[in-house]
Each structure stands twice: as structure tokens, then as C-alpha cells.
N, C-alpha and C. Protein backbone atom coordinates (compact mmCIF):
# COMPACT_ATOMS: atom_id res chain seq x y z
N MET A 1 -28.27 -3.34 9.42
CA MET A 1 -28.11 -2.10 10.15
C MET A 1 -26.88 -1.36 9.62
N ILE A 2 -26.99 -0.06 9.52
CA ILE A 2 -25.86 0.77 9.12
C ILE A 2 -25.48 1.66 10.30
N ARG A 3 -24.18 1.79 10.54
CA ARG A 3 -23.69 2.56 11.68
C ARG A 3 -22.36 3.21 11.32
N LYS A 4 -21.96 4.15 12.15
CA LYS A 4 -20.64 4.76 11.99
C LYS A 4 -19.58 3.73 12.38
N ALA A 5 -18.44 3.79 11.73
CA ALA A 5 -17.34 2.87 12.01
C ALA A 5 -16.60 3.27 13.28
N THR A 6 -15.94 2.30 13.87
CA THR A 6 -15.08 2.53 15.03
C THR A 6 -13.69 1.98 14.70
N GLN A 7 -12.75 2.26 15.57
CA GLN A 7 -11.40 1.75 15.36
C GLN A 7 -11.38 0.22 15.28
N ALA A 8 -12.31 -0.44 15.95
CA ALA A 8 -12.37 -1.91 15.88
C ALA A 8 -12.70 -2.39 14.46
N ASP A 9 -13.26 -1.51 13.62
CA ASP A 9 -13.61 -1.88 12.24
C ASP A 9 -12.45 -1.73 11.26
N VAL A 10 -11.35 -1.13 11.69
CA VAL A 10 -10.24 -0.87 10.75
C VAL A 10 -9.79 -2.13 10.02
N PRO A 11 -9.55 -3.26 10.70
CA PRO A 11 -9.12 -4.45 9.95
C PRO A 11 -10.17 -4.95 8.95
N VAL A 12 -11.45 -4.83 9.30
CA VAL A 12 -12.52 -5.25 8.39
C VAL A 12 -12.54 -4.35 7.16
N ILE A 13 -12.46 -3.05 7.37
CA ILE A 13 -12.44 -2.10 6.25
C ILE A 13 -11.25 -2.39 5.36
N HIS A 14 -10.09 -2.59 5.96
CA HIS A 14 -8.88 -2.87 5.19
C HIS A 14 -9.05 -4.15 4.36
N ARG A 15 -9.59 -5.19 4.97
CA ARG A 15 -9.80 -6.46 4.25
C ARG A 15 -10.74 -6.25 3.07
N LEU A 16 -11.85 -5.54 3.28
CA LEU A 16 -12.81 -5.30 2.21
C LEU A 16 -12.20 -4.49 1.07
N VAL A 17 -11.53 -3.40 1.42
CA VAL A 17 -10.94 -2.53 0.40
C VAL A 17 -9.84 -3.25 -0.36
N GLU A 18 -8.98 -3.95 0.36
CA GLU A 18 -7.88 -4.64 -0.30
C GLU A 18 -8.36 -5.76 -1.22
N HIS A 19 -9.46 -6.40 -0.88
CA HIS A 19 -10.03 -7.43 -1.74
C HIS A 19 -10.32 -6.85 -3.13
N TYR A 20 -10.96 -5.69 -3.16
CA TYR A 20 -11.30 -5.07 -4.44
C TYR A 20 -10.09 -4.37 -5.06
N ALA A 21 -9.17 -3.89 -4.26
CA ALA A 21 -7.96 -3.26 -4.80
C ALA A 21 -7.12 -4.30 -5.56
N ARG A 22 -7.03 -5.51 -5.01
CA ARG A 22 -6.28 -6.58 -5.71
C ARG A 22 -6.92 -6.90 -7.05
N LYS A 23 -8.21 -6.70 -7.17
CA LYS A 23 -8.92 -6.92 -8.44
C LYS A 23 -8.90 -5.67 -9.31
N GLU A 24 -8.20 -4.62 -8.86
CA GLU A 24 -8.10 -3.34 -9.54
C GLU A 24 -9.47 -2.69 -9.74
N ARG A 25 -10.35 -2.85 -8.73
CA ARG A 25 -11.67 -2.23 -8.76
C ARG A 25 -11.74 -1.02 -7.84
N MET A 26 -10.72 -0.81 -7.01
CA MET A 26 -10.60 0.40 -6.19
C MET A 26 -9.14 0.55 -5.81
N LEU A 27 -8.82 1.68 -5.22
CA LEU A 27 -7.44 1.95 -4.83
C LEU A 27 -7.13 1.36 -3.46
N HIS A 28 -5.88 0.97 -3.29
CA HIS A 28 -5.42 0.45 -2.01
C HIS A 28 -5.50 1.54 -0.95
N ARG A 29 -5.72 1.13 0.30
CA ARG A 29 -5.67 2.04 1.45
C ARG A 29 -4.94 1.30 2.57
N SER A 30 -4.03 1.98 3.19
CA SER A 30 -3.27 1.36 4.28
C SER A 30 -4.11 1.32 5.56
N LEU A 31 -3.72 0.45 6.47
CA LEU A 31 -4.37 0.40 7.78
C LEU A 31 -4.28 1.76 8.46
N GLU A 32 -3.13 2.40 8.34
CA GLU A 32 -2.91 3.71 8.98
C GLU A 32 -3.84 4.76 8.40
N ASP A 33 -4.00 4.77 7.08
CA ASP A 33 -4.88 5.74 6.44
C ASP A 33 -6.33 5.52 6.88
N ILE A 34 -6.75 4.28 6.93
CA ILE A 34 -8.11 3.97 7.36
C ILE A 34 -8.32 4.42 8.80
N ALA A 35 -7.36 4.09 9.67
CA ALA A 35 -7.48 4.47 11.09
C ALA A 35 -7.54 5.99 11.23
N GLU A 36 -6.72 6.69 10.45
CA GLU A 36 -6.69 8.16 10.53
C GLU A 36 -8.02 8.78 10.10
N HIS A 37 -8.70 8.14 9.15
CA HIS A 37 -9.94 8.69 8.61
C HIS A 37 -11.18 7.91 9.06
N ILE A 38 -11.08 7.20 10.17
CA ILE A 38 -12.17 6.33 10.61
C ILE A 38 -13.48 7.09 10.80
N ARG A 39 -13.42 8.36 11.15
CA ARG A 39 -14.66 9.12 11.35
C ARG A 39 -15.43 9.33 10.05
N CYS A 40 -14.78 9.14 8.92
CA CYS A 40 -15.45 9.26 7.62
C CYS A 40 -16.23 7.99 7.25
N PHE A 41 -15.88 6.87 7.88
CA PHE A 41 -16.42 5.57 7.48
C PHE A 41 -17.72 5.22 8.17
N SER A 42 -18.52 4.45 7.44
CA SER A 42 -19.72 3.83 7.96
C SER A 42 -19.68 2.35 7.60
N MET A 43 -20.39 1.55 8.37
CA MET A 43 -20.40 0.10 8.19
C MET A 43 -21.83 -0.39 8.02
N ALA A 44 -21.98 -1.43 7.20
CA ALA A 44 -23.25 -2.15 7.11
C ALA A 44 -23.04 -3.52 7.74
N GLU A 45 -24.01 -3.91 8.54
CA GLU A 45 -23.92 -5.20 9.22
C GLU A 45 -25.02 -6.13 8.70
N ASP A 46 -24.70 -7.40 8.74
CA ASP A 46 -25.67 -8.45 8.43
C ASP A 46 -25.55 -9.47 9.56
N GLY A 47 -26.62 -9.64 10.30
CA GLY A 47 -26.58 -10.57 11.42
C GLY A 47 -25.55 -10.19 12.48
N GLY A 48 -25.33 -8.90 12.66
CA GLY A 48 -24.37 -8.43 13.66
C GLY A 48 -22.93 -8.44 13.21
N ARG A 49 -22.68 -8.83 11.98
CA ARG A 49 -21.32 -8.89 11.43
C ARG A 49 -21.11 -7.77 10.41
N ALA A 50 -20.04 -6.99 10.56
CA ALA A 50 -19.73 -5.92 9.62
C ALA A 50 -19.28 -6.54 8.30
N VAL A 51 -20.03 -6.26 7.22
CA VAL A 51 -19.75 -6.90 5.93
C VAL A 51 -19.63 -5.92 4.78
N ALA A 52 -19.76 -4.62 5.06
CA ALA A 52 -19.65 -3.63 3.99
C ALA A 52 -19.25 -2.29 4.61
N CYS A 53 -18.59 -1.46 3.80
CA CYS A 53 -18.14 -0.16 4.30
C CYS A 53 -18.22 0.88 3.20
N SER A 54 -18.19 2.13 3.62
CA SER A 54 -18.04 3.26 2.71
C SER A 54 -17.58 4.45 3.54
N ALA A 55 -17.07 5.46 2.85
CA ALA A 55 -16.61 6.66 3.53
C ALA A 55 -17.18 7.88 2.83
N LEU A 56 -17.44 8.92 3.60
CA LEU A 56 -17.84 10.21 3.06
C LEU A 56 -16.73 11.19 3.40
N HIS A 57 -16.05 11.65 2.36
CA HIS A 57 -14.93 12.57 2.55
C HIS A 57 -15.36 13.96 2.09
N VAL A 58 -15.30 14.92 2.99
CA VAL A 58 -15.70 16.30 2.68
C VAL A 58 -14.50 17.04 2.11
N TYR A 59 -14.69 17.66 0.94
CA TYR A 59 -13.63 18.43 0.29
C TYR A 59 -13.81 19.93 0.44
N ALA A 60 -15.05 20.36 0.48
CA ALA A 60 -15.35 21.79 0.53
C ALA A 60 -16.71 21.94 1.19
N PRO A 61 -17.10 23.16 1.55
CA PRO A 61 -18.40 23.34 2.21
C PRO A 61 -19.58 22.77 1.44
N ASP A 62 -19.46 22.62 0.13
CA ASP A 62 -20.58 22.11 -0.66
C ASP A 62 -20.17 20.94 -1.55
N LEU A 63 -19.13 20.18 -1.16
CA LEU A 63 -18.68 19.07 -2.00
C LEU A 63 -18.11 17.96 -1.14
N ALA A 64 -18.61 16.74 -1.37
CA ALA A 64 -18.10 15.56 -0.67
C ALA A 64 -18.03 14.39 -1.65
N GLU A 65 -17.24 13.39 -1.28
CA GLU A 65 -17.07 12.21 -2.12
C GLU A 65 -17.40 10.96 -1.32
N ILE A 66 -18.11 10.04 -1.96
CA ILE A 66 -18.28 8.70 -1.39
C ILE A 66 -17.10 7.88 -1.89
N LYS A 67 -16.34 7.33 -0.93
CA LYS A 67 -15.13 6.58 -1.23
C LYS A 67 -15.19 5.20 -0.59
N SER A 68 -14.36 4.32 -1.10
CA SER A 68 -14.13 3.01 -0.49
C SER A 68 -15.42 2.26 -0.20
N LEU A 69 -16.36 2.29 -1.13
CA LEU A 69 -17.59 1.53 -0.99
C LEU A 69 -17.29 0.08 -1.36
N ALA A 70 -17.36 -0.80 -0.37
CA ALA A 70 -17.01 -2.21 -0.59
C ALA A 70 -17.95 -3.10 0.18
N VAL A 71 -18.43 -4.15 -0.48
CA VAL A 71 -19.32 -5.12 0.14
C VAL A 71 -18.67 -6.50 0.01
N ASP A 72 -18.61 -7.23 1.10
CA ASP A 72 -18.11 -8.60 1.08
C ASP A 72 -18.88 -9.36 0.00
N GLU A 73 -18.16 -10.05 -0.89
CA GLU A 73 -18.82 -10.71 -2.03
C GLU A 73 -19.88 -11.72 -1.60
N ALA A 74 -19.75 -12.29 -0.42
CA ALA A 74 -20.74 -13.24 0.07
C ALA A 74 -22.05 -12.54 0.45
N PHE A 75 -22.04 -11.21 0.50
CA PHE A 75 -23.22 -10.45 0.93
C PHE A 75 -23.70 -9.46 -0.12
N THR A 76 -23.29 -9.63 -1.37
CA THR A 76 -23.74 -8.72 -2.43
C THR A 76 -25.19 -9.01 -2.79
N ARG A 77 -25.79 -8.07 -3.47
CA ARG A 77 -27.17 -8.16 -3.96
C ARG A 77 -28.19 -8.22 -2.83
N ARG A 78 -27.84 -7.62 -1.69
CA ARG A 78 -28.76 -7.57 -0.55
C ARG A 78 -29.13 -6.12 -0.20
N GLY A 79 -28.69 -5.17 -1.01
CA GLY A 79 -29.01 -3.77 -0.78
C GLY A 79 -28.08 -3.06 0.19
N LEU A 80 -27.00 -3.73 0.61
CA LEU A 80 -26.09 -3.11 1.57
C LEU A 80 -25.35 -1.92 0.96
N GLY A 81 -24.89 -2.05 -0.28
CA GLY A 81 -24.20 -0.95 -0.94
C GLY A 81 -25.13 0.24 -1.13
N ALA A 82 -26.34 -0.02 -1.60
CA ALA A 82 -27.32 1.06 -1.77
C ALA A 82 -27.66 1.69 -0.43
N GLY A 83 -27.77 0.88 0.61
CA GLY A 83 -28.05 1.41 1.94
C GLY A 83 -26.94 2.33 2.42
N LEU A 84 -25.69 1.94 2.17
CA LEU A 84 -24.56 2.79 2.56
C LEU A 84 -24.55 4.10 1.78
N VAL A 85 -24.84 4.04 0.49
CA VAL A 85 -24.88 5.27 -0.31
C VAL A 85 -25.97 6.19 0.24
N HIS A 86 -27.15 5.66 0.50
CA HIS A 86 -28.23 6.48 1.04
C HIS A 86 -27.82 7.08 2.39
N TYR A 87 -27.20 6.30 3.23
CA TYR A 87 -26.75 6.77 4.53
C TYR A 87 -25.76 7.92 4.37
N GLN A 88 -24.82 7.79 3.42
CA GLN A 88 -23.83 8.84 3.20
C GLN A 88 -24.49 10.09 2.63
N LEU A 89 -25.49 9.93 1.77
CA LEU A 89 -26.19 11.10 1.23
C LEU A 89 -26.97 11.81 2.33
N GLU A 90 -27.57 11.07 3.25
CA GLU A 90 -28.26 11.69 4.38
C GLU A 90 -27.27 12.43 5.27
N GLU A 91 -26.10 11.84 5.46
CA GLU A 91 -25.07 12.51 6.27
C GLU A 91 -24.62 13.80 5.59
N ALA A 92 -24.42 13.75 4.27
CA ALA A 92 -24.03 14.96 3.53
C ALA A 92 -25.11 16.03 3.66
N ALA A 93 -26.37 15.65 3.51
CA ALA A 93 -27.46 16.61 3.63
C ALA A 93 -27.49 17.22 5.02
N ALA A 94 -27.29 16.40 6.04
CA ALA A 94 -27.30 16.90 7.42
C ALA A 94 -26.15 17.88 7.65
N LEU A 95 -25.05 17.71 6.93
CA LEU A 95 -23.91 18.62 7.03
C LEU A 95 -24.09 19.87 6.15
N GLY A 96 -25.14 19.90 5.34
CA GLY A 96 -25.37 21.04 4.45
C GLY A 96 -24.58 20.96 3.16
N ILE A 97 -24.15 19.77 2.79
CA ILE A 97 -23.36 19.58 1.57
C ILE A 97 -24.32 19.21 0.45
N GLY A 98 -24.34 20.01 -0.60
CA GLY A 98 -25.31 19.84 -1.67
C GLY A 98 -24.87 19.03 -2.86
N ARG A 99 -23.58 18.70 -2.96
CA ARG A 99 -23.10 17.94 -4.12
C ARG A 99 -22.19 16.83 -3.62
N VAL A 100 -22.51 15.61 -4.05
CA VAL A 100 -21.73 14.43 -3.68
C VAL A 100 -21.33 13.72 -4.96
N PHE A 101 -20.08 13.27 -5.01
CA PHE A 101 -19.61 12.56 -6.19
C PHE A 101 -18.88 11.29 -5.77
N ALA A 102 -18.60 10.46 -6.77
CA ALA A 102 -17.80 9.26 -6.57
C ALA A 102 -17.00 9.02 -7.84
N LEU A 103 -15.79 8.54 -7.70
CA LEU A 103 -15.02 8.03 -8.82
C LEU A 103 -15.13 6.52 -8.72
N THR A 104 -15.58 5.89 -9.80
CA THR A 104 -15.97 4.49 -9.70
C THR A 104 -15.77 3.73 -11.00
N TYR A 105 -15.73 2.42 -10.87
CA TYR A 105 -15.80 1.51 -12.01
C TYR A 105 -17.22 0.95 -12.14
N GLU A 106 -18.10 1.34 -11.24
CA GLU A 106 -19.46 0.80 -11.16
C GLU A 106 -20.49 1.90 -11.38
N ALA A 107 -20.36 2.66 -12.45
CA ALA A 107 -21.28 3.77 -12.71
C ALA A 107 -22.74 3.35 -12.74
N PRO A 108 -23.11 2.21 -13.36
CA PRO A 108 -24.53 1.83 -13.37
C PRO A 108 -25.13 1.67 -11.96
N PHE A 109 -24.35 1.16 -11.02
CA PHE A 109 -24.83 1.04 -9.64
C PHE A 109 -25.17 2.43 -9.09
N PHE A 110 -24.28 3.39 -9.27
CA PHE A 110 -24.52 4.73 -8.74
C PHE A 110 -25.67 5.41 -9.48
N GLU A 111 -25.79 5.16 -10.78
CA GLU A 111 -26.91 5.74 -11.53
C GLU A 111 -28.25 5.24 -10.98
N LYS A 112 -28.31 3.99 -10.55
CA LYS A 112 -29.53 3.46 -9.93
C LYS A 112 -29.85 4.18 -8.62
N GLN A 113 -28.84 4.78 -8.01
CA GLN A 113 -29.03 5.52 -6.75
C GLN A 113 -29.32 7.00 -7.00
N GLY A 114 -29.45 7.40 -8.28
CA GLY A 114 -29.80 8.79 -8.61
C GLY A 114 -28.63 9.65 -9.06
N PHE A 115 -27.43 9.09 -9.12
CA PHE A 115 -26.27 9.84 -9.60
C PHE A 115 -26.32 9.94 -11.12
N HIS A 116 -25.59 10.90 -11.67
CA HIS A 116 -25.46 11.04 -13.12
C HIS A 116 -23.98 11.14 -13.46
N LEU A 117 -23.65 10.80 -14.69
CA LEU A 117 -22.25 10.92 -15.13
C LEU A 117 -21.84 12.37 -15.07
N SER A 118 -20.61 12.60 -14.67
CA SER A 118 -20.10 13.96 -14.51
C SER A 118 -18.65 14.00 -14.99
N ASP A 119 -18.14 15.18 -15.18
CA ASP A 119 -16.77 15.36 -15.63
C ASP A 119 -15.84 15.48 -14.43
N LYS A 120 -14.82 14.63 -14.39
CA LYS A 120 -13.84 14.68 -13.29
C LYS A 120 -13.20 16.06 -13.17
N GLN A 121 -13.02 16.72 -14.29
CA GLN A 121 -12.38 18.02 -14.27
C GLN A 121 -13.21 19.05 -13.51
N GLY A 122 -14.51 18.75 -13.31
CA GLY A 122 -15.36 19.63 -12.55
C GLY A 122 -15.21 19.45 -11.04
N MET A 123 -14.28 18.60 -10.64
CA MET A 123 -14.01 18.34 -9.23
C MET A 123 -12.57 18.72 -8.89
N PRO A 124 -12.19 19.99 -9.05
CA PRO A 124 -10.78 20.36 -8.84
C PRO A 124 -10.28 20.08 -7.43
N GLU A 125 -11.17 20.14 -6.45
CA GLU A 125 -10.74 19.84 -5.07
C GLU A 125 -10.20 18.41 -4.98
N LYS A 126 -10.86 17.49 -5.64
CA LYS A 126 -10.42 16.08 -5.64
C LYS A 126 -9.11 15.94 -6.40
N ILE A 127 -9.05 16.54 -7.56
CA ILE A 127 -7.86 16.39 -8.40
C ILE A 127 -6.63 16.93 -7.71
N TRP A 128 -6.72 18.12 -7.14
CA TRP A 128 -5.55 18.73 -6.51
C TRP A 128 -5.19 18.09 -5.18
N ARG A 129 -6.17 17.56 -4.47
CA ARG A 129 -5.87 16.99 -3.16
C ARG A 129 -5.48 15.53 -3.22
N ASP A 130 -6.08 14.76 -4.12
CA ASP A 130 -5.85 13.32 -4.14
C ASP A 130 -5.31 12.79 -5.46
N CYS A 131 -5.99 13.12 -6.55
CA CYS A 131 -5.69 12.49 -7.83
C CYS A 131 -4.25 12.70 -8.30
N MET A 132 -3.73 13.89 -8.09
CA MET A 132 -2.39 14.16 -8.61
C MET A 132 -1.32 13.30 -7.94
N TYR A 133 -1.66 12.65 -6.82
CA TYR A 133 -0.71 11.77 -6.13
C TYR A 133 -0.96 10.29 -6.42
N CYS A 134 -1.95 10.02 -7.22
CA CYS A 134 -2.34 8.64 -7.53
C CYS A 134 -1.48 8.08 -8.66
N GLN A 135 -1.16 6.79 -8.56
CA GLN A 135 -0.35 6.15 -9.61
C GLN A 135 -1.09 6.11 -10.94
N LYS A 136 -2.41 6.26 -10.94
CA LYS A 136 -3.20 6.24 -12.17
C LYS A 136 -3.50 7.64 -12.71
N TYR A 137 -2.86 8.66 -12.15
CA TYR A 137 -3.19 10.04 -12.51
C TYR A 137 -3.18 10.27 -14.02
N ASP A 138 -2.15 9.81 -14.70
CA ASP A 138 -2.03 10.05 -16.14
C ASP A 138 -2.90 9.13 -16.98
N ASP A 139 -3.42 8.08 -16.38
CA ASP A 139 -4.21 7.11 -17.13
C ASP A 139 -5.41 6.63 -16.29
N CYS A 140 -6.13 7.55 -15.70
CA CYS A 140 -7.25 7.21 -14.83
C CYS A 140 -8.40 6.66 -15.67
N ASP A 141 -8.89 5.51 -15.27
CA ASP A 141 -10.00 4.90 -16.00
C ASP A 141 -11.28 4.84 -15.17
N GLU A 142 -11.30 5.54 -14.04
CA GLU A 142 -12.52 5.60 -13.24
C GLU A 142 -13.48 6.63 -13.85
N VAL A 143 -14.74 6.42 -13.62
CA VAL A 143 -15.79 7.30 -14.11
C VAL A 143 -16.27 8.15 -12.95
N CYS A 144 -16.53 9.41 -13.21
CA CYS A 144 -17.06 10.30 -12.18
C CYS A 144 -18.58 10.33 -12.28
N VAL A 145 -19.24 10.12 -11.14
CA VAL A 145 -20.68 10.27 -11.04
C VAL A 145 -20.96 11.27 -9.93
N ALA A 146 -22.05 11.99 -10.04
CA ALA A 146 -22.36 13.02 -9.05
C ALA A 146 -23.86 13.11 -8.86
N ILE A 147 -24.23 13.66 -7.72
CA ILE A 147 -25.64 13.90 -7.41
C ILE A 147 -25.74 15.21 -6.64
N ASP A 148 -26.73 16.00 -6.97
CA ASP A 148 -27.03 17.22 -6.22
C ASP A 148 -28.16 16.88 -5.27
N ILE A 149 -27.99 17.23 -4.01
CA ILE A 149 -29.02 16.94 -3.03
C ILE A 149 -29.55 18.25 -2.44
N ASP A 150 -30.80 18.23 -2.09
CA ASP A 150 -31.46 19.42 -1.55
C ASP A 150 -31.19 19.50 -0.07
N THR A 151 -30.35 20.42 0.33
CA THR A 151 -30.02 20.57 1.74
C THR A 151 -31.02 21.46 2.47
N ARG A 152 -31.99 22.03 1.74
CA ARG A 152 -33.01 22.86 2.39
C ARG A 152 -34.05 22.01 3.09
N ARG A 153 -34.22 20.79 2.65
CA ARG A 153 -35.18 19.91 3.32
C ARG A 153 -34.49 19.28 4.51
N PRO A 154 -35.22 19.03 5.56
CA PRO A 154 -34.59 18.37 6.71
C PRO A 154 -34.18 16.95 6.31
N ALA A 155 -33.00 16.57 6.66
CA ALA A 155 -32.55 15.20 6.41
C ALA A 155 -33.38 14.26 7.26
N SER A 156 -33.66 13.08 6.70
CA SER A 156 -34.39 12.11 7.51
C SER A 156 -33.50 11.67 8.66
N VAL A 157 -34.11 11.16 9.65
CA VAL A 157 -33.37 10.73 10.84
C VAL A 157 -32.55 9.49 10.48
N LEU A 158 -31.28 9.51 10.81
CA LEU A 158 -30.44 8.36 10.58
C LEU A 158 -30.80 7.28 11.59
N PRO A 159 -30.60 6.01 11.21
CA PRO A 159 -30.97 4.93 12.13
C PRO A 159 -30.25 5.08 13.47
N VAL A 160 -30.96 4.78 14.52
CA VAL A 160 -30.38 4.80 15.85
C VAL A 160 -29.61 3.50 16.04
N VAL A 161 -28.39 3.63 16.54
CA VAL A 161 -27.54 2.46 16.73
C VAL A 161 -27.53 2.13 18.21
N ASP A 162 -27.93 0.93 18.54
CA ASP A 162 -27.84 0.47 19.93
C ASP A 162 -26.39 0.24 20.25
N GLY A 163 -25.97 0.66 21.40
CA GLY A 163 -24.57 0.45 21.61
C GLY A 163 -24.13 0.45 22.98
């Protein structure tokens, strides 16, 4: 099941993100930053346990980024990451956002989800708001992938979360 994150998920999100940040596969995020942006996050559960996360960050009326996509290594290869990406794309479509991108070390995964390689320089909102403050700004080795989505079609209904 995929659902929106709550403040109770902050420690789980932090643990997942920091696991991959220590491996230099994503950037570190503080507990405070995660808590502040909790409304951007979604969670994937397996057996009622939150085991994966991602965030959709809106930069402009027609541009958003999928960030902090992390799956507990014990739960990889089960479609949770792909499910989260699809969920975030549906959320972007429902918001009327037609272009979604990600900066990633896992471009083939995103390409399987319909993204294509793109130029980071084509995302000035990201560069001016986030990248210029990153320790990797001068030597960024992440790849930019992007997808254009049709916001004219009605977005499919997101899963109903019992709660």
C-alpha cells in the first residue's frame, strides 16, 4: 500500500535516506528538514510496515521533482520504488504539473518508468533553489531524468488509505 507520510514516519524516512546517503547514493537530509517537508513525502508499506519513501517537491506551476526515493534493502525488487514513482506522477498530474524530473544515480530505474535523460541546466528552478547550496555543486555526478505527463487527462484515482 502507498500512502501520504505523517510526522510519525519522520524517523523511518530519515533512516532510509541516511542509509543511502552513507553509501553516497543520495544526499543527507536532517530530521528537521524531513519534518518540515513531510507533506511532500509518501510511504510504501509491506505488511503494514513502512519500508520505502519518496517526496514530490513542486518548484513551479509546471515543474516538480521526485526526491529521496529510498527502499529498505530487505524489500527491494518488489515494485515498491516503481509504485512510489507512479504515485508521485499521479499526484503531479492531479496538481496540473506536466513535467517531473529527478536527479539520480539510478537512471536505468527511472528510464524503466518512462523517464528520459535530460540536461540539468534545463532545470534552473532546481539549480538556483537547491543545487547551488549543495556540497557537490561544482562536481555533481547525478544524472537528470525527466518525464512529461499529460495533465489534460484525468488522473487515476489514488489508492484509498484506511485510517
